[in-house]
Protein backbone atom coordinates (compact mmCIF):
# COMPACT_ATOMS: atom_id res chain seq x y z
CA MET A 1 10.34 -10.25 50.42
CA ARG A 2 9.94 -6.52 49.66
CA MET A 3 12.63 -6.67 46.84
CA LEU A 4 11.04 -9.70 45.31
CA TYR A 5 7.71 -7.90 45.37
CA VAL A 6 9.08 -4.97 43.63
CA ARG A 7 10.81 -7.05 40.86
CA ARG A 8 7.56 -8.75 40.14
CA ARG A 9 5.76 -5.46 39.66
CA HIS A 10 8.61 -4.03 37.61
CA LYS A 11 8.78 -6.62 34.79
CA PRO A 12 5.16 -6.00 33.58
CA MET A 13 5.77 -2.14 33.53
CA GLU A 14 8.87 -2.70 31.40
CA GLU A 15 6.78 -4.82 28.96
CA ALA A 16 4.18 -2.20 28.83
CA THR A 17 6.78 0.49 28.20
CA VAL A 18 8.36 -1.52 25.35
CA GLN A 19 4.83 -2.06 23.78
CA LYS A 20 4.08 1.69 23.96
CA ARG A 21 7.39 2.51 22.42
CA ASN A 22 7.06 0.01 19.58
CA PHE A 23 3.36 1.24 18.96
CA THR A 24 4.54 4.88 18.79
CA ALA A 25 7.44 3.97 16.49
CA PHE A 26 5.05 2.32 13.90
CA LEU A 27 2.87 5.42 14.12
CA ILE A 28 5.77 7.84 13.54
CA HIS A 29 6.81 6.01 10.41
CA ALA A 30 3.35 5.68 9.24
CA LEU A 31 2.84 9.52 9.23
CA PHE A 32 6.14 10.28 7.38
CA LEU A 33 5.47 7.39 4.94
CA ALA A 34 1.91 8.71 4.21
CA LEU A 35 3.45 12.26 3.56
CA THR A 36 6.00 10.64 1.31
CA LEU A 37 3.38 8.74 -0.75
CA ASN A 38 1.27 11.81 -1.04
CA PHE A 39 3.96 13.63 -2.89
CA ILE A 40 4.30 10.73 -5.29
CA ASP A 41 0.60 9.54 -5.29
CA ILE A 42 0.43 6.76 -7.81
CA ASN A 43 -3.35 7.52 -8.33
CA THR A 44 -2.95 11.16 -9.26
CA VAL A 45 0.57 12.65 -9.24
CA VAL A 46 2.45 9.75 -11.15
CA PRO A 47 -0.18 9.33 -13.84
CA SER A 48 -0.26 13.18 -14.53
CA MET A 49 3.58 13.20 -14.40
CA LEU A 50 4.01 10.23 -16.70
CA SER A 51 1.31 11.68 -19.12
CA GLN A 52 3.09 15.02 -19.37
CA ALA A 53 6.45 13.26 -20.09
CA GLY A 54 4.92 11.49 -23.04
CA GLY A 55 3.56 8.37 -21.38
CA THR A 56 0.39 6.52 -22.55
CA ALA A 57 -2.00 4.09 -20.90
CA VAL A 58 0.32 1.20 -21.69
CA HIS A 59 3.14 2.95 -19.87
CA MET A 60 0.73 3.60 -16.95
CA GLY A 61 -0.23 -0.11 -16.95
CA ILE A 62 3.38 -1.27 -16.93
CA LEU A 63 4.25 1.15 -14.15
CA SER A 64 1.12 0.20 -12.15
CA ALA A 65 1.98 -3.60 -12.65
CA ILE A 66 5.44 -2.94 -11.34
CA MET A 67 4.56 -0.61 -8.24
CA ILE A 68 1.63 -2.62 -7.02
CA GLY A 69 1.68 -6.32 -8.53
CA GLY A 70 5.38 -6.50 -9.16
CA THR A 71 6.28 -5.33 -5.69
CA LYS A 72 4.10 -7.95 -4.19
CA PHE A 73 5.59 -10.72 -6.37
CA MET A 74 9.16 -9.63 -5.27
CA GLN A 75 8.26 -10.26 -1.72
CA LEU A 76 8.58 -14.04 -2.35
CA VAL A 77 12.06 -13.56 -3.85
CA PHE A 78 13.17 -11.57 -0.88
CA ALA A 79 11.41 -13.75 1.75
CA GLY A 80 13.99 -16.39 1.36
CA MET A 81 16.77 -13.93 1.99
CA ILE A 82 15.18 -12.24 5.04
CA VAL A 83 13.53 -15.24 6.83
CA PRO A 84 16.71 -16.71 8.12
CA LEU A 85 17.78 -13.35 9.87
CA ARG A 86 17.46 -13.34 13.65
CA LYS A 87 16.69 -9.76 13.56
CA LYS A 88 14.84 -8.14 10.72
CA LYS A 89 15.37 -4.41 11.63
CA PRO A 90 18.70 -4.07 9.67
CA ALA A 91 17.10 -5.37 6.44
CA LEU A 92 14.21 -2.92 6.96
CA LEU A 93 16.54 0.05 7.23
CA VAL A 94 18.51 -1.05 4.13
CA GLY A 95 15.33 -1.25 2.03
CA ILE A 96 14.15 2.08 3.26
CA TYR A 97 17.47 3.86 2.54
CA ILE A 98 17.53 2.46 -1.13
CA ARG A 99 13.96 3.95 -1.50
CA VAL A 100 15.14 7.39 -0.23
CA ALA A 101 18.10 7.31 -2.82
CA ALA A 102 15.70 6.35 -5.55
CA LEU A 103 13.42 9.27 -4.72
CA LEU A 104 16.15 11.78 -4.52
CA VAL A 105 17.77 10.54 -7.89
CA LEU A 106 14.35 10.82 -9.68
CA GLY A 107 13.70 14.29 -8.28
CA LEU A 108 17.04 15.45 -9.70
CA PHE A 109 16.23 13.84 -13.06
CA LEU A 110 12.89 15.38 -13.41
CA GLY A 111 14.42 18.84 -12.73
CA ASN A 112 15.96 18.45 -16.18
CA LEU A 113 13.18 16.64 -17.77
CA GLY A 114 12.53 18.89 -20.62
CA GLY A 115 10.08 17.90 -23.53
CA GLU A 116 8.37 14.58 -24.17
CA ALA A 117 10.52 11.56 -25.06
CA PHE A 118 9.97 7.82 -24.68
CA TRP A 119 13.45 7.31 -23.14
CA LYS A 120 12.48 9.72 -20.44
CA VAL A 121 9.48 7.77 -19.74
CA TRP A 122 11.44 4.46 -19.50
CA THR A 123 13.92 6.11 -17.09
CA ILE A 124 11.17 7.28 -14.78
CA ILE A 125 9.70 3.58 -14.94
CA LEU A 126 13.24 2.21 -14.17
CA VAL A 127 13.91 4.32 -11.10
CA MET A 128 10.35 3.82 -9.81
CA THR A 129 10.98 0.13 -10.16
CA ILE A 130 13.99 0.41 -7.91
CA PHE A 131 11.87 2.49 -5.45
CA SER A 132 9.13 -0.10 -5.54
CA PHE A 133 11.22 -3.33 -5.32
CA SER A 134 13.25 -1.94 -2.33
CA GLY A 135 9.89 -1.28 -0.60
CA ALA A 136 9.05 -5.05 -1.26
CA TYR A 137 12.23 -5.89 0.43
CA ALA A 138 11.55 -3.62 3.53
CA ASN A 139 7.92 -4.85 3.71
CA ILE A 140 8.88 -8.44 4.52
CA SER A 141 10.84 -7.29 7.48
CA TYR A 142 8.19 -4.63 8.36
CA THR A 143 5.30 -7.24 8.62
CA ASP A 144 7.42 -9.68 10.56
CA ILE A 145 8.65 -7.16 13.05
CA MET A 146 4.98 -5.79 13.52
CA GLY A 147 3.69 -9.42 14.21
CA LYS A 148 6.61 -9.92 16.77
CA VAL A 149 6.53 -6.64 18.77
CA ILE A 150 2.77 -5.74 18.76
CA LEU A 151 0.38 -7.91 20.80
CA PRO A 152 -2.30 -9.66 18.87
CA GLU A 153 -5.13 -7.73 20.54
CA LYS A 154 -3.39 -4.49 19.64
CA ARG A 155 -2.73 -5.00 16.01
CA LYS A 156 -6.01 -4.00 14.53
CA LYS A 157 -6.02 -0.90 16.63
CA LEU A 158 -2.55 -0.11 15.48
CA LEU A 159 -3.60 -0.45 11.78
CA VAL A 160 -6.68 1.68 12.18
CA VAL A 161 -4.95 4.46 14.19
CA LYS A 162 -2.06 4.16 11.81
CA GLN A 163 -4.35 4.93 8.90
CA LEU A 164 -6.24 7.67 10.84
CA ILE A 165 -2.80 9.49 11.78
CA SER A 166 -1.65 9.19 8.23
CA SER A 167 -4.85 10.54 6.73
CA VAL A 168 -4.76 13.53 8.98
CA GLY A 169 -1.22 14.41 8.15
CA VAL A 170 -1.76 13.93 4.45
CA ILE A 171 -4.47 16.44 4.20
CA VAL A 172 -1.89 19.13 5.02
CA SER A 173 0.58 17.62 2.44
CA ALA A 174 -2.20 17.41 -0.20
CA LEU A 175 -2.71 21.04 0.06
CA LEU A 176 1.02 21.57 -0.33
CA VAL A 177 1.15 19.31 -3.34
CA LYS A 178 -1.83 21.36 -4.88
CA VAL A 179 0.06 24.59 -4.28
CA ILE A 180 3.32 23.21 -5.78
CA LEU A 181 1.65 21.68 -8.85
CA SER A 182 -0.35 24.92 -9.41
CA GLN A 183 2.36 27.59 -8.74
CA VAL A 184 5.56 25.92 -9.85
CA SER A 185 6.16 25.28 -13.68
CA TYR A 186 6.65 21.89 -15.17
CA PRO A 187 8.88 20.00 -14.69
CA ALA A 188 10.35 21.78 -11.63
CA ASN A 189 7.07 21.06 -9.63
CA TYR A 190 7.54 17.31 -10.00
CA SER A 191 11.10 17.52 -9.24
CA LEU A 192 10.41 19.47 -6.13
CA LEU A 193 7.60 16.86 -5.00
CA PHE A 194 10.07 13.91 -5.41
CA LEU A 195 12.84 15.61 -3.56
CA LEU A 196 10.66 16.39 -0.62
CA ALA A 197 9.31 12.92 -0.61
CA GLY A 198 12.80 11.52 -0.41
CA LEU A 199 13.63 13.76 2.62
CA LEU A 200 10.36 12.96 4.27
CA LEU A 201 11.00 9.15 3.94
CA LEU A 202 14.45 9.70 5.39
CA LEU A 203 12.88 11.28 8.55
CA GLY A 204 10.42 8.38 8.64
CA THR A 205 13.26 6.04 9.56
CA ILE A 206 13.37 7.74 12.96
CA GLY A 207 10.31 5.55 13.90
CA PHE A 208 12.22 2.31 12.96
CA TRP A 209 15.29 3.16 14.87
CA MET A 210 13.04 3.34 17.95
CA ILE A 211 11.70 -0.20 17.61
CA LEU A 212 13.05 -2.65 20.15
CA GLU A 213 13.05 -6.01 18.32
CA PRO A 214 13.67 -9.21 20.06
CA ALA A 215 16.22 -11.63 18.40
CA ALA A 216 14.34 -14.56 17.02
CA PRO A 217 15.76 -18.21 17.37
CA ALA A 218 18.17 -18.87 14.52
CA PRO A 219 16.24 -21.01 11.99
CA ALA A 220 17.70 -24.12 10.52
CA ARG A 221 19.20 -23.67 7.10
CA THR A 222 16.98 -25.44 4.51
CA PRO A 223 17.74 -26.24 0.83
CA LEU A 224 15.93 -24.14 -1.88
CA ARG A 225 13.82 -27.27 -2.83
CA GLU A 226 12.68 -27.52 0.84
CA LYS A 227 11.65 -23.84 0.85
CA TYR A 228 9.49 -24.25 -2.22
CA ARG A 229 7.95 -27.36 -0.60
CA GLU A 230 7.07 -25.25 2.42
CA PHE A 231 5.42 -22.74 0.14
CA TRP A 232 3.48 -25.38 -1.54
CA ASN A 233 2.34 -26.97 1.76
CA VAL A 234 1.07 -23.70 2.89
CA LEU A 235 -1.12 -23.40 -0.38
CA LYS A 236 -2.25 -26.93 -0.06
CA ASP A 237 -3.01 -27.15 3.68
CA ASP A 238 -4.38 -23.65 4.62
CA PRO A 239 -7.72 -23.05 3.06
CA ASN A 240 -7.88 -19.61 4.86
CA PHE A 241 -4.77 -18.46 2.95
CA ARG A 242 -6.18 -19.69 -0.38
CA LYS A 243 -9.34 -17.61 0.27
CA TYR A 244 -7.16 -14.66 1.22
CA LEU A 245 -5.30 -14.92 -2.13
CA PHE A 246 -8.70 -15.13 -3.98
CA LEU A 247 -9.81 -11.86 -2.22
CA ILE A 248 -6.59 -9.91 -3.17
CA ASN A 249 -6.71 -11.35 -6.75
CA THR A 250 -10.45 -10.24 -7.21
CA SER A 251 -11.48 -7.20 -5.19
CA GLY A 252 -7.77 -6.34 -4.79
CA VAL A 253 -7.34 -5.26 -8.32
CA ILE A 254 -9.12 -2.02 -7.49
CA VAL A 255 -5.78 -0.76 -6.23
CA SER A 256 -4.41 -1.29 -9.76
CA THR A 257 -7.41 0.34 -11.28
CA LEU A 258 -7.07 3.66 -9.43
CA PRO A 259 -4.26 5.11 -11.49
CA PHE A 260 -6.48 4.72 -14.74
CA LEU A 261 -9.18 6.97 -13.08
CA LEU A 262 -7.16 10.12 -13.77
CA LEU A 263 -6.26 9.07 -17.29
CA TYR A 264 -9.94 8.59 -17.95
CA GLY A 265 -10.61 12.04 -16.62
CA ARG A 266 -7.94 13.59 -18.73
CA SER A 267 -9.72 11.94 -21.75
CA ARG A 268 -13.05 13.74 -20.88
CA PHE A 269 -11.85 17.27 -19.89
CA PRO A 270 -8.45 19.26 -19.36
CA VAL A 271 -6.43 18.33 -16.09
CA ASP A 272 -3.62 20.67 -15.21
CA GLY A 273 -1.41 20.51 -12.11
CA GLY A 274 -3.89 22.37 -10.03
CA MET A 275 -6.62 20.03 -10.86
CA THR A 276 -4.39 17.15 -10.06
CA GLY A 277 -3.69 18.50 -6.70
CA THR A 278 -7.49 19.05 -6.22
CA PHE A 279 -8.06 15.37 -6.99
CA LEU A 280 -5.52 14.31 -4.50
CA LEU A 281 -6.99 16.37 -1.78
CA VAL A 282 -10.40 14.99 -2.33
CA GLN A 283 -8.86 11.48 -2.26
CA MET A 284 -7.20 12.26 1.02
CA VAL A 285 -10.50 13.61 2.45
CA GLY A 286 -12.07 10.24 1.50
CA ALA A 287 -9.26 8.29 3.22
CA LEU A 288 -9.62 10.35 6.33
CA GLY A 289 -13.42 9.97 6.47
CA ALA A 290 -13.11 6.21 6.00
CA ASN A 291 -10.41 5.98 8.79
CA ILE A 292 -12.61 8.07 11.21
CA ALA A 293 -15.64 5.90 10.47
CA LEU A 294 -13.77 2.65 10.97
CA THR A 295 -12.10 4.00 14.24
CA LEU A 296 -15.62 4.86 15.62
CA PHE A 297 -17.57 1.85 14.46
CA SER A 298 -15.00 -0.97 14.00
CA LYS A 299 -15.55 -3.65 16.79
CA GLY A 300 -12.73 -5.58 18.21
CA GLN A 301 -10.81 -7.66 15.84
CA ARG A 302 -13.68 -8.42 13.33
CA TYR A 303 -12.79 -8.05 9.65
CA ARG A 304 -15.73 -9.78 8.00
CA SER A 305 -17.97 -6.59 7.71
CA MET A 306 -14.94 -4.57 6.66
CA ILE A 307 -14.22 -7.05 3.68
CA TYR A 308 -17.87 -6.78 2.61
CA LEU A 309 -17.57 -2.85 2.63
CA PHE A 310 -14.34 -3.05 0.90
CA VAL A 311 -15.77 -5.21 -2.02
CA ILE A 312 -18.96 -3.02 -2.48
CA VAL A 313 -17.09 0.32 -2.51
CA SER A 314 -14.30 -1.10 -4.79
CA ALA A 315 -16.83 -2.43 -7.31
CA SER A 316 -18.65 0.82 -7.30
CA THR A 317 -15.74 3.14 -7.95
CA PRO A 318 -15.22 2.44 -11.67
CA LEU A 319 -18.98 2.48 -12.47
CA VAL A 320 -19.34 5.94 -10.72
CA ALA A 321 -16.49 7.22 -12.88
CA LEU A 322 -18.47 6.29 -16.00
CA LEU A 323 -21.82 7.77 -14.75
CA LEU A 324 -20.74 11.23 -13.46
CA PRO A 325 -20.84 14.25 -15.79
CA ALA A 326 -17.71 15.03 -17.54
CA THR A 327 -16.81 18.01 -15.33
CA PRO A 328 -14.01 18.35 -12.89
CA LEU A 329 -16.33 19.15 -9.98
CA TRP A 330 -18.46 16.00 -10.38
CA TYR A 331 -15.50 13.73 -11.34
CA SER A 332 -13.87 14.69 -7.97
CA LEU A 333 -16.43 12.26 -6.28
CA VAL A 334 -14.58 9.41 -8.03
CA PHE A 335 -11.44 10.27 -5.97
CA LEU A 336 -13.41 10.48 -2.87
CA LEU A 337 -14.42 6.77 -3.35
CA SER A 338 -10.85 5.95 -4.46
CA GLY A 339 -9.55 7.24 -1.02
CA ILE A 340 -12.08 5.24 0.84
CA SER A 341 -11.46 1.96 -1.17
CA PHE A 342 -7.75 2.31 -1.00
CA THR A 343 -7.69 2.92 2.85
CA ILE A 344 -10.02 -0.14 3.44
CA SER A 345 -7.89 -2.24 1.19
CA GLN A 346 -4.78 -1.45 3.21
CA ILE A 347 -6.35 -2.34 6.50
CA VAL A 348 -8.03 -5.45 5.27
CA SER A 349 -5.02 -6.86 3.42
CA SER A 350 -2.43 -6.27 6.22
CA GLY A 351 -4.98 -7.13 9.01
CA VAL A 352 -6.36 -10.42 7.77
CA LEU A 353 -2.80 -11.64 6.80
CA LEU A 354 -1.62 -10.97 10.34
CA GLU A 355 -4.50 -12.93 11.84
CA ILE A 356 -4.27 -15.99 9.64
CA SER A 357 -0.44 -16.35 10.20
CA THR A 358 1.82 -16.96 13.22
CA ASN A 359 5.07 -15.43 14.31
CA GLU A 360 6.89 -18.54 12.87
CA ASN A 361 5.35 -18.34 9.35
CA ARG A 362 4.39 -14.77 8.87
CA ALA A 363 7.36 -14.04 6.64
CA VAL A 364 6.57 -16.91 4.43
CA TYR A 365 2.83 -15.98 4.25
CA THR A 366 3.76 -12.42 3.39
CA GLY A 367 6.16 -13.53 0.60
CA LEU A 368 3.48 -16.07 -0.69
CA SER A 369 0.73 -13.41 -0.67
CA GLY A 370 2.85 -11.18 -2.92
CA ALA A 371 3.77 -13.95 -5.24
CA GLY A 372 0.17 -15.04 -5.28
CA SER A 373 -1.13 -11.55 -6.27
CA ILE A 374 -0.74 -12.46 -9.88
CA MET A 375 -3.73 -10.36 -10.93
CA GLN A 376 -2.18 -7.21 -9.45
CA VAL A 377 0.38 -7.72 -12.31
CA VAL A 378 -1.63 -9.07 -15.03
CA TYR A 379 -4.70 -6.62 -14.67
CA PRO A 380 -2.85 -3.27 -15.09
CA LEU A 381 -0.99 -4.68 -18.18
CA LEU A 382 -4.23 -5.98 -19.65
CA ALA A 383 -6.12 -2.79 -18.77
CA GLY A 384 -3.53 -0.44 -20.17
CA TYR A 385 -3.66 -2.43 -23.58
CA LEU A 386 -7.44 -2.87 -23.57
CA VAL A 387 -8.03 0.78 -23.10
CA GLY A 388 -6.62 1.47 -26.40
CA VAL A 389 -8.71 -1.31 -28.01
CA ILE A 390 -12.17 -1.22 -26.46
CA GLY A 391 -12.03 2.00 -24.45
CA PHE A 392 -12.28 3.03 -20.83
CA PRO A 393 -16.06 2.20 -20.30
CA ALA A 394 -15.81 -1.43 -21.28
CA VAL A 395 -12.69 -1.91 -19.15
CA PHE A 396 -14.22 -0.23 -16.08
CA ILE A 397 -17.52 -2.28 -16.37
CA MET A 398 -15.53 -5.58 -16.54
CA THR A 399 -13.39 -4.60 -13.72
CA SER A 400 -16.38 -3.94 -11.52
CA LEU A 401 -17.98 -7.29 -12.20
CA TYR A 402 -14.77 -8.98 -11.53
CA ILE A 403 -14.19 -7.17 -8.29
CA VAL A 404 -17.61 -8.40 -7.02
CA LEU A 405 -16.24 -12.07 -7.06
CA GLY A 406 -14.35 -11.12 -3.82
CA LEU A 407 -17.71 -11.51 -1.98
CA TYR A 408 -17.01 -15.28 -1.96
CA ALA A 409 -13.97 -14.65 0.33
CA ALA A 410 -15.77 -12.23 2.46
CA LYS A 411 -18.38 -14.83 3.22
CA THR A 412 -16.22 -17.98 3.74
CA ILE A 413 -12.72 -16.88 5.04
CA HIS A 414 -12.27 -17.90 8.63
CA CYS A 415 -9.90 -17.38 11.58
CA GLU A 416 -10.29 -17.19 15.26
CA ARG A 417 -10.89 -13.37 15.32
CA LEU A 418 -13.44 -13.61 12.46
CA VAL A 419 -15.78 -16.12 14.22
CA GLY A 420 -19.07 -14.46 14.63
CA ALA A 421 -18.09 -11.20 12.84
CA ASN A 422 -20.78 -9.00 11.75
């Protein structure tokens, strides 16, 4: 009888240990990923690098469309490959290691960049495309694994704590980025940043090796036509998912807008490597402040108030960029807002998707959310073109008005953990 009693007590302890280990694993990877993305930040470092290599607003629009919208679209392509896998961790690691290789290759290329040339700009875009698409491949597995190994009541806590830990770590890395961009000459400074990013991302795989993923039941093989029918049924039968798509296709375009803020700043006053590092540091301060506030005041699993906040801050950011005086000190406030809006967008997009999907359909929903993010591709391409035709002010005003449409989704989206949200 005593042995039976001990066994009954032991099993819950094992489950608690596994939960703690998996929770820690995601946080370890989040820290190293945040450090990595800081060294190659798409809102500050990449626009500055591309501009110095000879790139224009059109090139920035193309790269933004690939790294943000194109990445999400590719999730649908990769979903069909990954969904049948009983364990997703091997696919996750393959995607991460391809990203590491792309960063190291680009770091070596940038070390011999030399003067401006369009072929160099297109080479940068090509390698960053490989980096971004391999990230899309990994993200399908990442979202599916998180949904399986983290209990529903712990998911929002994980997302908020993950963002908080990441923000604290990247403050230190932002200071290092500022030092490198200020003290190391071009193009060696960007080469060093990308090489360090590759090494940090490689270290981040330690977290994924820690994850204990249960094997899912082997899904039945379905013809391609059936898969597309399944995608269509989700769009037709789930109004919540349609509202989620509406949100990320309206307010979500702020993520594609942020890289243009630095280009607009460069059109108003000189921006050197040191100033780029300062803008990145201010952006990270905004991200950290947002995470601390969300950690302190976020209630349970309620997302509705967070969605409202996301829409309001996102719509305000381009307008503030237009209204501030043309000095680096004042313009830094724009990057404070960009850090806040980006942080909230990460929590909202991941958290709401987790709550409106189930373990069985999460990979399909993730793939569809990427393919359905059509404006994440169209907007930066259109903005990059229109900037040269009607200028930054008109583009930013239209963007803010478009982002406000997301209030409809904030008001009407519904799932069990959103009921009664304030």
